[in-house]
Amino acid sequence: MAETALGRSLRLYSSAMREDDVQIRLTINNTQGLPAIYNAAIEAAATDPAILVFIHDDVWLADFFWAQRIHAALEQFDVVGIAGNTRRVPGQPAWHSTTLSFEPDAEHLSGSVGRGRDMPCDEVDLYGPSEQECKLLDGLMLVADSETLLARGVRFDERFGFDFHDLDFCRQAELAGLKMGTWALSVIHEGGRRYGSESWRDGYDRYLQKYGEKAGHDMPVTHVYAQ
């Protein structure tokens, strides 16, 4: 954990964080999918309510005031992300694109994400204005109050290992009547995209089957190569 992007950034802020403000739930040598880990955190919060921050370990929190911003965001939205899409179409293969060529759905995107392996980052993906209500959020970082998720029965679907857990979670949140949106929060993502990998295709198949949808065709799924 200490040498991951998340670990390095939390170490930077450790002197300003009290133990009762931020508690880290760490899974080492994990063999479970993210949904199982995230669901365990939700269930644990049944007796210890908390604001839950579901975040990948290759994300650097580059915002000195991230904790305060999260509190402010949850006054407006039930589920908060750093980037998202204000619409969703059937068969959508990614939060930011409606087709398999992965052309950005530019007019409907919101938020921003830094890219690189250090701070300052190499580049910033500026998708659109933040503080927009969204249908889909980027799973790099999702924030919600545990009491809200427990009260509405919202969980991550454990049929998804990594890919599509975020899209499905957003759909479950929408079905439960939760309001989702983006917030201005500076983060840097060190990792790349996984589109076209075998696990991604498997996740896409599961996602389409669950919702009875067809792929967002502008090319065959078999022509989506790992990126």
C-alpha atoms as a PDB file:
ATOM      1  CA  MET A   1       0.000   0.000   0.000  1.00  0.00           C
ATOM      2  CA  ALA A   2       2.763   2.444   0.991  1.00  0.00           C
ATOM      3  CA  GLU A   3       4.271   2.525  -2.506  1.00  0.00           C
ATOM      4  CA  THR A   4       1.030   2.788  -4.456  1.00  0.00           C
ATOM      5  CA  ALA A   5      -0.228   6.150  -5.672  1.00  0.00           C
ATOM      6  CA  LEU A   6      -2.979   6.091  -3.062  1.00  0.00           C
ATOM      7  CA  GLY A   7      -0.569   5.085  -0.307  1.00  0.00           C
ATOM      8  CA  ARG A   8       1.889   7.855  -1.158  1.00  0.00           C
ATOM      9  CA  SER A   9      -0.810  10.495  -1.217  1.00  0.00           C
ATOM     10  CA  LEU A  10      -2.356   9.362   2.066  1.00  0.00           C
ATOM     11  CA  ARG A  11       1.094   9.413   3.658  1.00  0.00           C
ATOM     12  CA  LEU A  12       1.436  13.019   2.509  1.00  0.00           C
ATOM     13  CA  TYR A  13      -1.762  13.978   4.314  1.00  0.00           C
ATOM     14  CA  SER A  14      -1.302  11.724   7.350  1.00  0.00           C
ATOM     15  CA  SER A  15      -0.174  14.513   9.666  1.00  0.00           C
ATOM     16  CA  ALA A  16      -3.409  16.387   9.001  1.00  0.00           C
ATOM     17  CA  MET A  17      -5.703  13.367   9.385  1.00  0.00           C
ATOM     18  CA  ARG A  18      -7.023  12.052  12.674  1.00  0.00           C
ATOM     19  CA  GLU A  19      -7.655   8.313  13.007  1.00  0.00           C
ATOM     20  CA  ASP A  20     -11.331   8.891  13.711  1.00  0.00           C
ATOM     21  CA  ASP A  21     -11.612  11.022  10.552  1.00  0.00           C
ATOM     22  CA  VAL A  22     -10.141   8.563   8.040  1.00  0.00           C
ATOM     23  CA  GLN A  23      -9.931   4.795   8.402  1.00  0.00           C
ATOM     24  CA  ILE A  24      -8.196   2.754   5.705  1.00  0.00           C
ATOM     25  CA  ARG A  25      -9.556  -0.669   4.819  1.00  0.00           C
ATOM     26  CA  LEU A  26      -6.739  -2.427   2.989  1.00  0.00           C
ATOM     27  CA  THR A  27      -6.925  -5.730   1.120  1.00  0.00           C
ATOM     28  CA  ILE A  28      -3.505  -7.274   0.446  1.00  0.00           C
ATOM     29  CA  ASN A  29      -2.829  -9.987  -2.173  1.00  0.00           C
ATOM     30  CA  ASN A  30      -6.469  -9.819  -3.052  1.00  0.00           C
ATOM     31  CA  THR A  31      -8.060 -12.712  -4.944  1.00  0.00           C
ATOM     32  CA  GLN A  32     -11.584 -11.290  -4.801  1.00  0.00           C
ATOM     33  CA  GLY A  33     -13.186  -8.849  -7.197  1.00  0.00           C
ATOM     34  CA  LEU A  34     -13.639  -5.233  -6.180  1.00  0.00           C
ATOM     35  CA  PRO A  35     -17.407  -5.671  -5.687  1.00  0.00           C
ATOM     36  CA  ALA A  36     -16.858  -8.260  -2.932  1.00  0.00           C
ATOM     37  CA  ILE A  37     -14.351  -6.005  -1.167  1.00  0.00           C
ATOM     38  CA  TYR A  38     -16.573  -2.949  -1.477  1.00  0.00           C
ATOM     39  CA  ASN A  39     -19.639  -4.860  -0.269  1.00  0.00           C
ATOM     40  CA  ALA A  40     -17.723  -6.029   2.795  1.00  0.00           C
ATOM     41  CA  ALA A  41     -16.993  -2.393   3.616  1.00  0.00           C
ATOM     42  CA  ILE A  42     -20.672  -1.495   3.243  1.00  0.00           C
ATOM     43  CA  GLU A  43     -21.733  -4.327   5.555  1.00  0.00           C
ATOM     44  CA  ALA A  44     -19.064  -3.425   8.119  1.00  0.00           C
ATOM     45  CA  ALA A  45     -20.471   0.097   8.200  1.00  0.00           C
ATOM     46  CA  ALA A  46     -23.845  -1.221   9.372  1.00  0.00           C
ATOM     47  CA  THR A  47     -22.547  -0.985  12.950  1.00  0.00           C
ATOM     48  CA  ASP A  48     -20.062   1.820  12.327  1.00  0.00           C
ATOM     49  CA  PRO A  49     -21.607   4.361   9.903  1.00  0.00           C
ATOM     50  CA  ALA A  50     -19.155   6.150   7.652  1.00  0.00           C
ATOM     51  CA  ILE A  51     -18.673   8.058   4.462  1.00  0.00           C
ATOM     52  CA  LEU A  52     -17.293   5.367   2.173  1.00  0.00           C
ATOM     53  CA  VAL A  53     -14.663   6.251  -0.423  1.00  0.00           C
ATOM     54  CA  PHE A  54     -14.252   3.433  -2.949  1.00  0.00           C
ATOM     55  CA  ILE A  55     -10.963   4.209  -4.677  1.00  0.00           C
ATOM     56  CA  HIS A  56      -8.390   2.314  -6.741  1.00  0.00           C
ATOM     57  CA  ASP A  57      -4.862   2.060  -5.378  1.00  0.00           C
ATOM     58  CA  ASP A  58      -3.370   3.613  -8.527  1.00  0.00           C
ATOM     59  CA  VAL A  59      -5.121   6.919  -7.834  1.00  0.00           C
ATOM     60  CA  TRP A  60      -3.208   9.814  -6.287  1.00  0.00           C
ATOM     61  CA  LEU A  61      -5.323  12.183  -4.176  1.00  0.00           C
ATOM     62  CA  ALA A  62      -3.825  15.465  -5.353  1.00  0.00           C
ATOM     63  CA  ASP A  63      -6.254  17.687  -3.468  1.00  0.00           C
ATOM     64  CA  PHE A  64      -5.207  19.000  -0.044  1.00  0.00           C
ATOM     65  CA  PHE A  65      -8.871  19.522   0.814  1.00  0.00           C
ATOM     66  CA  TRP A  66     -10.252  16.221  -0.478  1.00  0.00           C
ATOM     67  CA  ALA A  67     -11.987  15.318   2.783  1.00  0.00           C
ATOM     68  CA  GLN A  68     -13.803  18.646   3.000  1.00  0.00           C
ATOM     69  CA  ARG A  69     -14.799  18.470  -0.667  1.00  0.00           C
ATOM     70  CA  ILE A  70     -16.297  15.024  -0.160  1.00  0.00           C
ATOM     71  CA  HIS A  71     -18.475  16.291   2.678  1.00  0.00           C
ATOM     72  CA  ALA A  72     -19.637  19.206   0.525  1.00  0.00           C
ATOM     73  CA  ALA A  73     -20.371  16.913  -2.422  1.00  0.00           C
ATOM     74  CA  LEU A  74     -22.574  14.625  -0.342  1.00  0.00           C
ATOM     75  CA  GLU A  75     -24.758  17.573   0.574  1.00  0.00           C
ATOM     76  CA  GLN A  76     -25.783  17.704  -3.096  1.00  0.00           C
ATOM     77  CA  PHE A  77     -25.503  14.096  -4.308  1.00  0.00           C
ATOM     78  CA  ASP A  78     -26.055  10.638  -2.809  1.00  0.00           C
ATOM     79  CA  VAL A  79     -23.257   9.084  -4.873  1.00  0.00           C
ATOM     80  CA  VAL A  80     -20.284  11.180  -5.979  1.00  0.00           C
ATOM     81  CA  GLY A  81     -17.601  10.623  -8.605  1.00  0.00           C
ATOM     82  CA  ILE A  82     -14.800  12.638 -10.153  1.00  0.00           C
ATOM     83  CA  ALA A  83     -15.996  12.154 -13.737  1.00  0.00           C
ATOM     84  CA  GLY A  84     -19.158  10.904 -15.363  1.00  0.00           C
ATOM     85  CA  ASN A  85     -21.741  10.988 -18.122  1.00  0.00           C
ATOM     86  CA  THR A  86     -25.044  12.811 -17.873  1.00  0.00           C
ATOM     87  CA  ARG A  87     -26.730  10.183 -20.050  1.00  0.00           C
ATOM     88  CA  ARG A  88     -26.711   6.433 -20.586  1.00  0.00           C
ATOM     89  CA  VAL A  89     -27.641   4.556 -23.765  1.00  0.00           C
ATOM     90  CA  PRO A  90     -28.352   0.820 -24.245  1.00  0.00           C
ATOM     91  CA  GLY A  91     -25.236  -1.280 -24.762  1.00  0.00           C
ATOM     92  CA  GLN A  92     -22.879   1.480 -23.660  1.00  0.00           C
ATOM     93  CA  PRO A  93     -19.376  -0.057 -23.267  1.00  0.00           C
ATOM     94  CA  ALA A  94     -17.830   2.620 -21.027  1.00  0.00           C
ATOM     95  CA  TRP A  95     -18.987   5.518 -18.901  1.00  0.00           C
ATOM     96  CA  HIS A  96     -17.461   8.064 -21.288  1.00  0.00           C
ATOM     97  CA  SER A  97     -18.417   6.491 -24.629  1.00  0.00           C
ATOM     98  CA  THR A  98     -21.537   4.997 -26.182  1.00  0.00           C
ATOM     99  CA  THR A  99     -19.821   2.997 -28.942  1.00  0.00           C
ATOM    100  CA  LEU A 100     -17.081   0.408 -29.297  1.00  0.00           C
ATOM    101  CA  SER A 101     -14.735   2.832 -31.029  1.00  0.00           C
ATOM    102  CA  PHE A 102     -14.668   4.622 -27.647  1.00  0.00           C
ATOM    103  CA  GLU A 103     -15.115   8.042 -29.162  1.00  0.00           C
ATOM    104  CA  PRO A 104     -15.875  10.363 -26.224  1.00  0.00           C
ATOM    105  CA  ASP A 105     -19.529  11.210 -25.715  1.00  0.00           C
ATOM    106  CA  ALA A 106     -18.201  14.738 -25.377  1.00  0.00           C
ATOM    107  CA  GLU A 107     -21.411  16.767 -25.086  1.00  0.00           C
ATOM    108  CA  HIS A 108     -22.553  14.722 -22.098  1.00  0.00           C
ATOM    109  CA  LEU A 109     -19.346  14.321 -20.076  1.00  0.00           C
ATOM    110  CA  SER A 110     -18.530  15.954 -16.755  1.00  0.00           C
ATOM    111  CA  GLY A 111     -15.508  16.237 -14.462  1.00  0.00           C
ATOM    112  CA  SER A 112     -11.760  15.804 -14.866  1.00  0.00           C
ATOM    113  CA  VAL A 113      -8.983  13.270 -14.203  1.00  0.00           C
ATOM    114  CA  GLY A 114      -5.227  13.818 -14.188  1.00  0.00           C
ATOM    115  CA  ARG A 115      -2.975  11.281 -15.941  1.00  0.00           C
ATOM    116  CA  GLY A 116       0.601  10.404 -15.058  1.00  0.00           C
ATOM    117  CA  ARG A 117       2.811   8.950 -12.350  1.00  0.00           C
ATOM    118  CA  ASP A 118       3.662  11.981 -10.260  1.00  0.00           C
ATOM    119  CA  MET A 119       2.402  15.329  -9.063  1.00  0.00           C
ATOM    120  CA  PRO A 120       2.095  17.525 -11.041  1.00  0.00           C
ATOM    121  CA  CYS A 121       0.682  15.108 -13.586  1.00  0.00           C
ATOM    122  CA  ASP A 122       1.549  14.788 -17.276  1.00  0.00           C
ATOM    123  CA  GLU A 123      -1.874  15.786 -18.591  1.00  0.00           C
ATOM    124  CA  VAL A 124      -5.448  16.374 -17.494  1.00  0.00           C
ATOM    125  CA  ASP A 125      -8.542  14.959 -19.155  1.00  0.00           C
ATOM    126  CA  LEU A 126     -11.032  17.814 -18.906  1.00  0.00           C
ATOM    127  CA  TYR A 127     -14.352  16.179 -19.726  1.00  0.00           C
ATOM    128  CA  GLY A 128     -16.715  19.004 -18.844  1.00  0.00           C
ATOM    129  CA  PRO A 129     -18.006  21.084 -15.934  1.00  0.00           C
ATOM    130  CA  SER A 130     -18.242  19.335 -12.563  1.00  0.00           C
ATOM    131  CA  GLU A 131     -21.186  19.377 -10.153  1.00  0.00           C
ATOM    132  CA  GLN A 132     -23.423  17.844 -12.819  1.00  0.00           C
ATOM    133  CA  GLU A 133     -26.027  15.174 -12.145  1.00  0.00           C
ATOM    134  CA  CYS A 134     -24.967  12.000 -13.962  1.00  0.00           C
ATOM    135  CA  LYS A 135     -26.270   8.611 -15.019  1.00  0.00           C
ATOM    136  CA  LEU A 136     -22.827   6.954 -15.012  1.00  0.00           C
ATOM    137  CA  LEU A 137     -19.678   7.661 -12.990  1.00  0.00           C
ATOM    138  CA  ASP A 138     -16.049   6.643 -13.429  1.00  0.00           C
ATOM    139  CA  GLY A 139     -15.250   3.881 -10.923  1.00  0.00           C
ATOM    140  CA  LEU A 140     -11.777   5.282 -10.175  1.00  0.00           C
ATOM    141  CA  MET A 141     -13.351   6.938  -7.159  1.00  0.00           C
ATOM    142  CA  LEU A 142     -16.908   6.633  -5.867  1.00  0.00           C
ATOM    143  CA  VAL A 143     -18.163   8.171  -2.646  1.00  0.00           C
ATOM    144  CA  ALA A 144     -21.372   7.528  -0.698  1.00  0.00           C
ATOM    145  CA  ASP A 145     -22.726   7.592   2.838  1.00  0.00           C
ATOM    146  CA  SER A 146     -22.981   4.039   4.181  1.00  0.00           C
ATOM    147  CA  GLU A 147     -26.358   4.751   5.764  1.00  0.00           C
ATOM    148  CA  THR A 148     -27.778   5.785   2.391  1.00  0.00           C
ATOM    149  CA  LEU A 149     -26.549   2.621   0.649  1.00  0.00           C
ATOM    150  CA  LEU A 150     -27.779   0.370   3.454  1.00  0.00           C
ATOM    151  CA  ALA A 151     -31.175   2.061   3.658  1.00  0.00           C
ATOM    152  CA  ARG A 152     -31.746   1.701  -0.097  1.00  0.00           C
ATOM    153  CA  GLY A 153     -30.235  -1.773  -0.382  1.00  0.00           C
ATOM    154  CA  VAL A 154     -27.615  -0.700  -2.924  1.00  0.00           C
ATOM    155  CA  ARG A 155     -24.633  -3.007  -3.350  1.00  0.00           C
ATOM    156  CA  PHE A 156     -22.009  -3.877  -5.942  1.00  0.00           C
ATOM    157  CA  ASP A 157     -22.887  -6.900  -8.081  1.00  0.00           C
ATOM    158  CA  GLU A 158     -20.276  -9.571  -7.432  1.00  0.00           C
ATOM    159  CA  ARG A 159     -20.742 -11.195 -10.827  1.00  0.00           C
ATOM    160  CA  PHE A 160     -18.426  -8.417 -12.055  1.00  0.00           C
ATOM    161  CA  GLY A 161     -14.779  -8.799 -11.116  1.00  0.00           C
ATOM    162  CA  PHE A 162     -13.366  -5.397 -12.068  1.00  0.00           C
ATOM    163  CA  ASP A 163     -14.694  -4.228 -15.398  1.00  0.00           C
ATOM    164  CA  PHE A 164     -18.267  -2.872 -15.417  1.00  0.00           C
ATOM    165  CA  HIS A 165     -18.691  -2.937 -11.653  1.00  0.00           C
ATOM    166  CA  ASP A 166     -18.973   0.859 -11.749  1.00  0.00           C
ATOM    167  CA  LEU A 167     -21.520   1.052 -14.573  1.00  0.00           C
ATOM    168  CA  ASP A 168     -23.667  -1.577 -12.897  1.00  0.00           C
ATOM    169  CA  PHE A 169     -23.402   0.119  -9.491  1.00  0.00           C
ATOM    170  CA  CYS A 170     -24.610   3.382 -11.006  1.00  0.00           C
ATOM    171  CA  ARG A 171     -27.601   1.636 -12.540  1.00  0.00           C
ATOM    172  CA  GLN A 172     -28.441   0.027  -9.216  1.00  0.00           C
ATOM    173  CA  ALA A 173     -28.160   3.407  -7.506  1.00  0.00           C
ATOM    174  CA  GLU A 174     -30.469   4.948 -10.099  1.00  0.00           C
ATOM    175  CA  LEU A 175     -33.039   2.172  -9.630  1.00  0.00           C
ATOM    176  CA  ALA A 176     -32.921   2.875  -5.892  1.00  0.00           C
ATOM    177  CA  GLY A 177     -33.691   6.537  -6.507  1.00  0.00           C
ATOM    178  CA  LEU A 178     -30.261   7.880  -5.570  1.00  0.00           C
ATOM    179  CA  LYS A 179     -28.933  11.097  -7.081  1.00  0.00           C
ATOM    180  CA  MET A 180     -25.470  10.788  -8.629  1.00  0.00           C
ATOM    181  CA  GLY A 181     -23.085  13.491  -9.722  1.00  0.00           C
ATOM    182  CA  THR A 182     -19.536  14.721 -10.187  1.00  0.00           C
ATOM    183  CA  TRP A 183     -17.522  17.007  -7.952  1.00  0.00           C
ATOM    184  CA  ALA A 184     -14.413  19.115  -8.488  1.00  0.00           C
ATOM    185  CA  LEU A 185     -11.704  17.044  -6.829  1.00  0.00           C
ATOM    186  CA  SER A 186      -8.105  16.811  -8.053  1.00  0.00           C
ATOM    187  CA  VAL A 187      -6.871  13.245  -8.572  1.00  0.00           C
ATOM    188  CA  ILE A 188      -4.221  11.634 -10.761  1.00  0.00           C
ATOM    189  CA  HIS A 189      -4.690   8.179 -12.268  1.00  0.00           C
ATOM    190  CA  GLU A 190      -1.448   6.275 -12.801  1.00  0.00           C
ATOM    191  CA  GLY A 191      -2.995   3.271 -14.537  1.00  0.00           C
ATOM    192  CA  GLY A 192      -4.071   2.786 -18.117  1.00  0.00           C
ATOM    193  CA  ARG A 193      -7.323   1.661 -19.687  1.00  0.00           C
ATOM    194  CA  ARG A 194      -8.300  -2.002 -20.006  1.00  0.00           C
ATOM    195  CA  TYR A 195     -10.641  -1.971 -22.983  1.00  0.00           C
ATOM    196  CA  GLY A 196     -10.441  -5.028 -25.189  1.00  0.00           C
ATOM    197  CA  SER A 197      -8.769  -7.358 -22.686  1.00  0.00           C
ATOM    198  CA  GLU A 198     -10.257 -10.808 -22.149  1.00  0.00           C
ATOM    199  CA  SER A 199     -11.563  -9.830 -18.718  1.00  0.00           C
ATOM    200  CA  TRP A 200     -13.092  -6.657 -20.173  1.00  0.00           C
ATOM    201  CA  ARG A 201     -14.931  -8.608 -22.867  1.00  0.00           C
ATOM    202  CA  ASP A 202     -16.178 -11.083 -20.278  1.00  0.00           C
ATOM    203  CA  GLY A 203     -17.439  -8.218 -18.124  1.00  0.00           C
ATOM    204  CA  TYR A 204     -19.145  -6.589 -21.104  1.00  0.00           C
ATOM    205  CA  ASP A 205     -20.916  -9.859 -21.951  1.00  0.00           C
ATOM    206  CA  ARG A 206     -22.140 -10.193 -18.353  1.00  0.00           C
ATOM    207  CA  TYR A 207     -23.279  -6.573 -18.333  1.00  0.00           C
ATOM    208  CA  LEU A 208     -25.214  -6.899 -21.600  1.00  0.00           C
ATOM    209  CA  GLN A 209     -26.818 -10.153 -20.466  1.00  0.00           C
ATOM    210  CA  LYS A 210     -27.887  -8.685 -17.130  1.00  0.00           C
ATOM    211  CA  TYR A 211     -29.727  -5.795 -18.748  1.00  0.00           C
ATOM    212  CA  GLY A 212     -30.856  -7.549 -21.920  1.00  0.00           C
ATOM    213  CA  GLU A 213     -28.986  -5.129 -24.177  1.00  0.00           C
ATOM    214  CA  LYS A 214     -26.892  -5.384 -27.326  1.00  0.00           C
ATOM    215  CA  ALA A 215     -23.406  -3.995 -27.829  1.00  0.00           C
ATOM    216  CA  GLY A 216     -23.049  -0.360 -28.870  1.00  0.00           C
ATOM    217  CA  HIS A 217     -21.992  -1.267 -32.393  1.00  0.00           C
ATOM    218  CA  ASP A 218     -19.875   0.823 -34.657  1.00  0.00           C
ATOM    219  CA  MET A 219     -17.458  -2.111 -34.922  1.00  0.00           C
ATOM    220  CA  PRO A 220     -17.555  -5.797 -33.910  1.00  0.00           C
ATOM    221  CA  VAL A 221     -16.693  -6.538 -30.275  1.00  0.00           C
ATOM    222  CA  THR A 222     -13.936  -8.853 -31.518  1.00  0.00           C
ATOM    223  CA  HIS A 223     -12.234  -5.813 -33.095  1.00  0.00           C
ATOM    224  CA  VAL A 224     -11.858  -4.059 -29.761  1.00  0.00           C
ATOM    225  CA  TYR A 225      -8.204  -4.574 -28.944  1.00  0.00           C
ATOM    226  CA  ALA A 226      -6.577  -4.118 -25.561  1.00  0.00           C
ATOM    227  CA  GLN A 227      -5.643  -0.496 -24.905  1.00  0.00           C
END
